[in-house]
């Protein structure tokens, strides 16, 4: 899926404020915790759920199975 309004990992709406025409300060990601290492092949913003899941996996030192 190449639509920038969908999370490239789960294909759910990523709720990106920038994609909705709003300033970055209104986006959920400006207040979110992200993992240090993000997948290299991201074609769009992650959704809040995937960002939180990846941050939690990193904190627990686990790897995501793809």
PDB file of N, CA and C in Angstrom:
ATOM      1  N   UNK A   1       0.863  -1.173   0.000  1.00  0.00           N
ATOM      2  CA  UNK A   1       0.000   0.000   0.000  1.00  0.00           C
ATOM      3  C   UNK A   1       0.905   1.229   0.000  1.00  0.00           C
ATOM      4  N   UNK A   2       0.700   2.144  -0.910  1.00  0.00           N
ATOM      5  CA  UNK A   2       1.579   3.306  -1.004  1.00  0.00           C
ATOM      6  C   UNK A   2       0.911   4.593  -0.527  1.00  0.00           C
ATOM      7  N   UNK A   3      -0.304   4.531  -0.033  1.00  0.00           N
ATOM      8  CA  UNK A   3      -1.000   5.702   0.476  1.00  0.00           C
ATOM      9  C   UNK A   3      -0.329   6.144   1.780  1.00  0.00           C
ATOM     10  N   UNK A   4       0.142   7.380   1.838  1.00  0.00           N
ATOM     11  CA  UNK A   4       0.890   7.893   2.986  1.00  0.00           C
ATOM     12  C   UNK A   4       0.039   8.053   4.245  1.00  0.00           C
ATOM     13  N   UNK A   5      -1.272   7.870   4.142  1.00  0.00           N
ATOM     14  CA  UNK A   5      -2.126   8.011   5.316  1.00  0.00           C
ATOM     15  C   UNK A   5      -2.337   6.682   6.051  1.00  0.00           C
ATOM     16  N   UNK A   6      -1.641   5.634   5.588  1.00  0.00           N
ATOM     17  CA  UNK A   6      -1.754   4.319   6.214  1.00  0.00           C
ATOM     18  C   UNK A   6      -0.406   3.843   6.724  1.00  0.00           C
ATOM     19  N   UNK A   7      -0.411   3.192   7.856  1.00  0.00           N
ATOM     20  CA  UNK A   7       0.795   2.632   8.451  1.00  0.00           C
ATOM     21  C   UNK A   7       1.360   1.554   7.532  1.00  0.00           C
ATOM     22  N   UNK A   8       2.655   1.613   7.214  1.00  0.00           N
ATOM     23  CA  UNK A   8       3.234   0.601   6.332  1.00  0.00           C
ATOM     24  C   UNK A   8       3.359  -0.778   6.974  1.00  0.00           C
ATOM     25  N   UNK A   9       3.205  -0.866   8.287  1.00  0.00           N
ATOM     26  CA  UNK A   9       3.314  -2.165   8.952  1.00  0.00           C
ATOM     27  C   UNK A   9       1.984  -2.891   9.074  1.00  0.00           C
ATOM     28  N   UNK A  10       0.928  -2.171   9.458  1.00  0.00           N
ATOM     29  CA  UNK A  10      -0.365  -2.838   9.692  1.00  0.00           C
ATOM     30  C   UNK A  10      -1.459  -2.409   8.706  1.00  0.00           C
ATOM     31  N   UNK A  11      -1.181  -1.422   7.884  1.00  0.00           N
ATOM     32  CA  UNK A  11      -2.114  -0.894   6.887  1.00  0.00           C
ATOM     33  C   UNK A  11      -3.362  -0.250   7.482  1.00  0.00           C
ATOM     34  N   UNK A  12      -3.298   0.138   8.749  1.00  0.00           N
ATOM     35  CA  UNK A  12      -4.384   0.893   9.376  1.00  0.00           C
ATOM     36  C   UNK A  12      -4.072   2.385   9.232  1.00  0.00           C
ATOM     37  N   UNK A  13      -5.069   3.231   9.386  1.00  0.00           N
ATOM     38  CA  UNK A  13      -4.857   4.680   9.297  1.00  0.00           C
ATOM     39  C   UNK A  13      -3.804   5.099  10.325  1.00  0.00           C
ATOM     40  N   UNK A  14      -2.815   5.889   9.891  1.00  0.00           N
ATOM     41  CA  UNK A  14      -1.748   6.293  10.809  1.00  0.00           C
ATOM     42  C   UNK A  14      -2.074   7.582  11.563  1.00  0.00           C
ATOM     43  N   UNK A  15      -3.135   8.242  11.191  1.00  0.00           N
ATOM     44  CA  UNK A  15      -3.616   9.457  11.859  1.00  0.00           C
ATOM     45  C   UNK A  15      -2.546  10.546  11.911  1.00  0.00           C
ATOM     46  N   UNK A  16      -1.761  10.649  10.845  1.00  0.00           N
ATOM     47  CA  UNK A  16      -0.707  11.658  10.745  1.00  0.00           C
ATOM     48  C   UNK A  16      -1.329  13.035  10.509  1.00  0.00           C
ATOM     49  N   UNK A  17      -1.048  13.962  11.397  1.00  0.00           N
ATOM     50  CA  UNK A  17      -1.597  15.313  11.266  1.00  0.00           C
ATOM     51  C   UNK A  17      -1.119  15.979   9.981  1.00  0.00           C
ATOM     52  N   UNK A  18       0.131  15.754   9.620  1.00  0.00           N
ATOM     53  CA  UNK A  18       0.683  16.363   8.410  1.00  0.00           C
ATOM     54  C   UNK A  18      -0.075  15.886   7.171  1.00  0.00           C
ATOM     55  N   UNK A  19      -0.402  14.612   7.130  1.00  0.00           N
ATOM     56  CA  UNK A  19      -1.164  14.071   6.000  1.00  0.00           C
ATOM     57  C   UNK A  19      -2.587  14.615   5.979  1.00  0.00           C
ATOM     58  N   UNK A  20      -3.079  15.042   7.125  1.00  0.00           N
ATOM     59  CA  UNK A  20      -4.423  15.617   7.224  1.00  0.00           C
ATOM     60  C   UNK A  20      -4.411  17.134   7.060  1.00  0.00           C
ATOM     61  N   UNK A  21      -3.224  17.679   6.737  1.00  0.00           N
ATOM     62  CA  UNK A  21      -3.112  19.113   6.495  1.00  0.00           C
ATOM     63  C   UNK A  21      -2.980  19.959   7.747  1.00  0.00           C
ATOM     64  N   UNK A  22      -2.622  19.332   8.850  1.00  0.00           N
ATOM     65  CA  UNK A  22      -2.474  20.050  10.114  1.00  0.00           C
ATOM     66  C   UNK A  22      -0.983  20.190  10.447  1.00  0.00           C
ATOM     67  N   UNK A  23      -0.636  21.116  11.337  1.00  0.00           N
ATOM     68  CA  UNK A  23       0.769  21.263  11.717  1.00  0.00           C
ATOM     69  C   UNK A  23       1.273  20.064  12.523  1.00  0.00           C
ATOM     70  N   UNK A  24       2.569  19.831  12.454  1.00  0.00           N
ATOM     71  CA  UNK A  24       3.181  18.699  13.154  1.00  0.00           C
ATOM     72  C   UNK A  24       2.906  18.733  14.655  1.00  0.00           C
ATOM     73  N   UNK A  25       2.749  19.911  15.224  1.00  0.00           N
ATOM     74  CA  UNK A  25       2.476  20.023  16.661  1.00  0.00           C
ATOM     75  C   UNK A  25       1.167  19.355  17.058  1.00  0.00           C
ATOM     76  N   UNK A  26       0.266  19.158  16.108  1.00  0.00           N
ATOM     77  CA  UNK A  26      -1.020  18.517  16.386  1.00  0.00           C
ATOM     78  C   UNK A  26      -0.976  17.000  16.231  1.00  0.00           C
ATOM     79  N   UNK A  27       0.151  16.495  15.775  1.00  0.00           N
ATOM     80  CA  UNK A  27       0.247  15.060  15.503  1.00  0.00           C
ATOM     81  C   UNK A  27       0.543  14.274  16.774  1.00  0.00           C
ATOM     82  N   UNK A  28      -0.013  13.101  16.854  1.00  0.00           N
ATOM     83  CA  UNK A  28       0.207  12.216  17.993  1.00  0.00           C
ATOM     84  C   UNK A  28       1.694  11.910  18.163  1.00  0.00           C
ATOM     85  N   UNK A  29       2.436  11.891  17.059  1.00  0.00           N
ATOM     86  CA  UNK A  29       3.844  11.482  17.125  1.00  0.00           C
ATOM     87  C   UNK A  29       4.731  12.502  17.838  1.00  0.00           C
ATOM     88  N   UNK A  30       4.271  13.731  17.951  1.00  0.00           N
ATOM     89  CA  UNK A  30       5.088  14.729  18.636  1.00  0.00           C
ATOM     90  C   UNK A  30       5.143  14.481  20.144  1.00  0.00           C
ATOM     91  N   UNK A  31       4.293  13.569  20.625  1.00  0.00           N
ATOM     92  CA  UNK A  31       4.263  13.233  22.051  1.00  0.00           C
ATOM     93  C   UNK A  31       4.510  11.744  22.300  1.00  0.00           C
ATOM     94  N   UNK A  32       4.909  11.030  21.258  1.00  0.00           N
ATOM     95  CA  UNK A  32       5.046   9.576  21.361  1.00  0.00           C
ATOM     96  C   UNK A  32       6.480   9.146  21.643  1.00  0.00           C
ATOM     97  N   UNK A  33       6.589   7.943  22.166  1.00  0.00           N
ATOM     98  CA  UNK A  33       7.891   7.312  22.369  1.00  0.00           C
ATOM     99  C   UNK A  33       8.142   6.388  21.181  1.00  0.00           C
ATOM    100  N   UNK A  34       9.298   6.527  20.568  1.00  0.00           N
ATOM    101  CA  UNK A  34       9.646   5.703  19.411  1.00  0.00           C
ATOM    102  C   UNK A  34      10.872   4.864  19.729  1.00  0.00           C
ATOM    103  N   UNK A  35      10.995   3.708  19.086  1.00  0.00           N
ATOM    104  CA  UNK A  35      12.209   2.923  19.263  1.00  0.00           C
ATOM    105  C   UNK A  35      13.392   3.649  18.606  1.00  0.00           C
ATOM    106  N   UNK A  36      14.581   3.342  19.078  1.00  0.00           N
ATOM    107  CA  UNK A  36      15.781   3.957  18.497  1.00  0.00           C
ATOM    108  C   UNK A  36      15.979   3.511  17.056  1.00  0.00           C
ATOM    109  N   UNK A  37      15.708   2.251  16.786  1.00  0.00           N
ATOM    110  CA  UNK A  37      15.887   1.699  15.440  1.00  0.00           C
ATOM    111  C   UNK A  37      14.525   1.421  14.812  1.00  0.00           C
ATOM    112  N   UNK A  38      14.199   2.189  13.807  1.00  0.00           N
ATOM    113  CA  UNK A  38      12.946   1.973  13.075  1.00  0.00           C
ATOM    114  C   UNK A  38      13.227   1.135  11.839  1.00  0.00           C
ATOM    115  N   UNK A  39      12.237   0.398  11.351  1.00  0.00           N
ATOM    116  CA  UNK A  39      12.435  -0.349  10.109  1.00  0.00           C
ATOM    117  C   UNK A  39      12.891   0.590   8.993  1.00  0.00           C
ATOM    118  N   UNK A  40      13.856   0.154   8.216  1.00  0.00           N
ATOM    119  CA  UNK A  40      14.451   1.002   7.180  1.00  0.00           C
ATOM    120  C   UNK A  40      13.529   1.238   5.987  1.00  0.00           C
ATOM    121  N   UNK A  41      12.576   0.375   5.768  1.00  0.00           N
ATOM    122  CA  UNK A  41      11.747   0.453   4.566  1.00  0.00           C
ATOM    123  C   UNK A  41      10.410   1.150   4.797  1.00  0.00           C
ATOM    124  N   UNK A  42      10.367   2.110   5.714  1.00  0.00           N
ATOM    125  CA  UNK A  42       9.114   2.814   5.968  1.00  0.00           C
ATOM    126  C   UNK A  42       8.770   3.736   4.805  1.00  0.00           C
ATOM    127  N   UNK A  43       7.591   3.558   4.257  1.00  0.00           N
ATOM    128  CA  UNK A  43       7.139   4.392   3.136  1.00  0.00           C
ATOM    129  C   UNK A  43       6.156   5.458   3.600  1.00  0.00           C
ATOM    130  N   UNK A  44       5.762   5.402   4.876  1.00  0.00           N
ATOM    131  CA  UNK A  44       4.812   6.359   5.451  1.00  0.00           C
ATOM    132  C   UNK A  44       4.985   6.332   6.966  1.00  0.00           C
ATOM    133  N   UNK A  45       4.272   7.197   7.645  1.00  0.00           N
ATOM    134  CA  UNK A  45       4.320   7.238   9.108  1.00  0.00           C
ATOM    135  C   UNK A  45       3.696   5.984   9.701  1.00  0.00           C
ATOM    136  N   UNK A  46       4.229   5.577  10.834  1.00  0.00           N
ATOM    137  CA  UNK A  46       3.628   4.477  11.584  1.00  0.00           C
ATOM    138  C   UNK A  46       2.350   4.958  12.250  1.00  0.00           C
ATOM    139  N   UNK A  47       1.493   4.035  12.605  1.00  0.00           N
ATOM    140  CA  UNK A  47       0.326   4.374  13.413  1.00  0.00           C
ATOM    141  C   UNK A  47       0.761   4.368  14.887  1.00  0.00           C
ATOM    142  N   UNK A  48      -0.018   4.976  15.768  1.00  0.00           N
ATOM    143  CA  UNK A  48       0.361   5.005  17.181  1.00  0.00           C
ATOM    144  C   UNK A  48       0.546   3.610  17.786  1.00  0.00           C
ATOM    145  N   UNK A  49      -0.278   2.669  17.386  1.00  0.00           N
ATOM    146  CA  UNK A  49      -0.204   1.323  17.942  1.00  0.00           C
ATOM    147  C   UNK A  49       1.092   0.612  17.535  1.00  0.00           C
ATOM    148  N   UNK A  50       1.476   0.720  16.273  1.00  0.00           N
ATOM    149  CA  UNK A  50       2.712   0.075  15.823  1.00  0.00           C
ATOM    150  C   UNK A  50       3.937   0.753  16.430  1.00  0.00           C
ATOM    151  N   UNK A  51       3.914   2.060  16.534  1.00  0.00           N
ATOM    152  CA  UNK A  51       5.034   2.776  17.153  1.00  0.00           C
ATOM    153  C   UNK A  51       5.192   2.334  18.605  1.00  0.00           C
ATOM    154  N   UNK A  52       4.090   2.232  19.332  1.00  0.00           N
ATOM    155  CA  UNK A  52       4.141   1.803  20.735  1.00  0.00           C
ATOM    156  C   UNK A  52       4.606   0.357  20.843  1.00  0.00           C
ATOM    157  N   UNK A  53       4.122  -0.490  19.947  1.00  0.00           N
ATOM    158  CA  UNK A  53       4.513  -1.907  19.973  1.00  0.00           C
ATOM    159  C   UNK A  53       6.012  -2.051  19.723  1.00  0.00           C
ATOM    160  N   UNK A  54       6.545  -1.340  18.728  1.00  0.00           N
ATOM    161  CA  UNK A  54       7.971  -1.420  18.433  1.00  0.00           C
ATOM    162  C   UNK A  54       8.805  -0.872  19.590  1.00  0.00           C
ATOM    163  N   UNK A  55       8.360   0.208  20.206  1.00  0.00           N
ATOM    164  CA  UNK A  55       9.075   0.766  21.355  1.00  0.00           C
ATOM    165  C   UNK A  55       9.083  -0.232  22.518  1.00  0.00           C
ATOM    166  N   UNK A  56       7.965  -0.905  22.729  1.00  0.00           N
ATOM    167  CA  UNK A  56       7.879  -1.888  23.808  1.00  0.00           C
ATOM    168  C   UNK A  56       8.778  -3.084  23.522  1.00  0.00           C
ATOM    169  N   UNK A  57       8.771  -3.567  22.280  1.00  0.00           N
ATOM    170  CA  UNK A  57       9.636  -4.683  21.909  1.00  0.00           C
ATOM    171  C   UNK A  57      11.103  -4.325  22.126  1.00  0.00           C
ATOM    172  N   UNK A  58      11.469  -3.105  21.743  1.00  0.00           N
ATOM    173  CA  UNK A  58      12.850  -2.670  21.926  1.00  0.00           C
ATOM    174  C   UNK A  58      13.198  -2.606  23.412  1.00  0.00           C
ATOM    175  N   UNK A  59      12.278  -2.080  24.193  1.00  0.00           N
ATOM    176  CA  UNK A  59      12.514  -1.971  25.642  1.00  0.00           C
ATOM    177  C   UNK A  59      12.700  -3.355  26.259  1.00  0.00           C
ATOM    178  N   UNK A  60      11.958  -4.326  25.760  1.00  0.00           N
ATOM    179  CA  UNK A  60      12.063  -5.701  26.256  1.00  0.00           C
ATOM    180  C   UNK A  60      13.177  -6.471  25.566  1.00  0.00           C
ATOM    181  N   UNK A  61      13.834  -5.821  24.622  1.00  0.00           N
ATOM    182  CA  UNK A  61      14.932  -6.404  23.836  1.00  0.00           C
ATOM    183  C   UNK A  61      14.479  -7.645  23.062  1.00  0.00           C
ATOM    184  N   UNK A  62      13.310  -7.517  22.440  1.00  0.00           N
ATOM    185  CA  UNK A  62      12.759  -8.579  21.599  1.00  0.00           C
ATOM    186  C   UNK A  62      12.770  -8.105  20.157  1.00  0.00           C
ATOM    187  N   UNK A  63      12.711  -9.042  19.229  1.00  0.00           N
ATOM    188  CA  UNK A  63      12.647  -8.696  17.813  1.00  0.00           C
ATOM    189  C   UNK A  63      11.271  -9.047  17.281  1.00  0.00           C
ATOM    190  N   UNK A  64      10.790  -8.179  16.370  1.00  0.00           N
ATOM    191  CA  UNK A  64       9.498  -8.427  15.744  1.00  0.00           C
ATOM    192  C   UNK A  64       9.642  -9.503  14.687  1.00  0.00           C
ATOM    193  N   UNK A  65       8.730 -10.428  14.668  1.00  0.00           N
ATOM    194  CA  UNK A  65       8.717 -11.467  13.642  1.00  0.00           C
ATOM    195  C   UNK A  65       7.896 -10.952  12.491  1.00  0.00           C
ATOM    196  N   UNK A  66       8.477 -10.962  11.281  1.00  0.00           N
ATOM    197  CA  UNK A  66       7.747 -10.478  10.107  1.00  0.00           C
ATOM    198  C   UNK A  66       7.418 -11.586   9.161  1.00  0.00           C
TER     199      UNK A  66
END
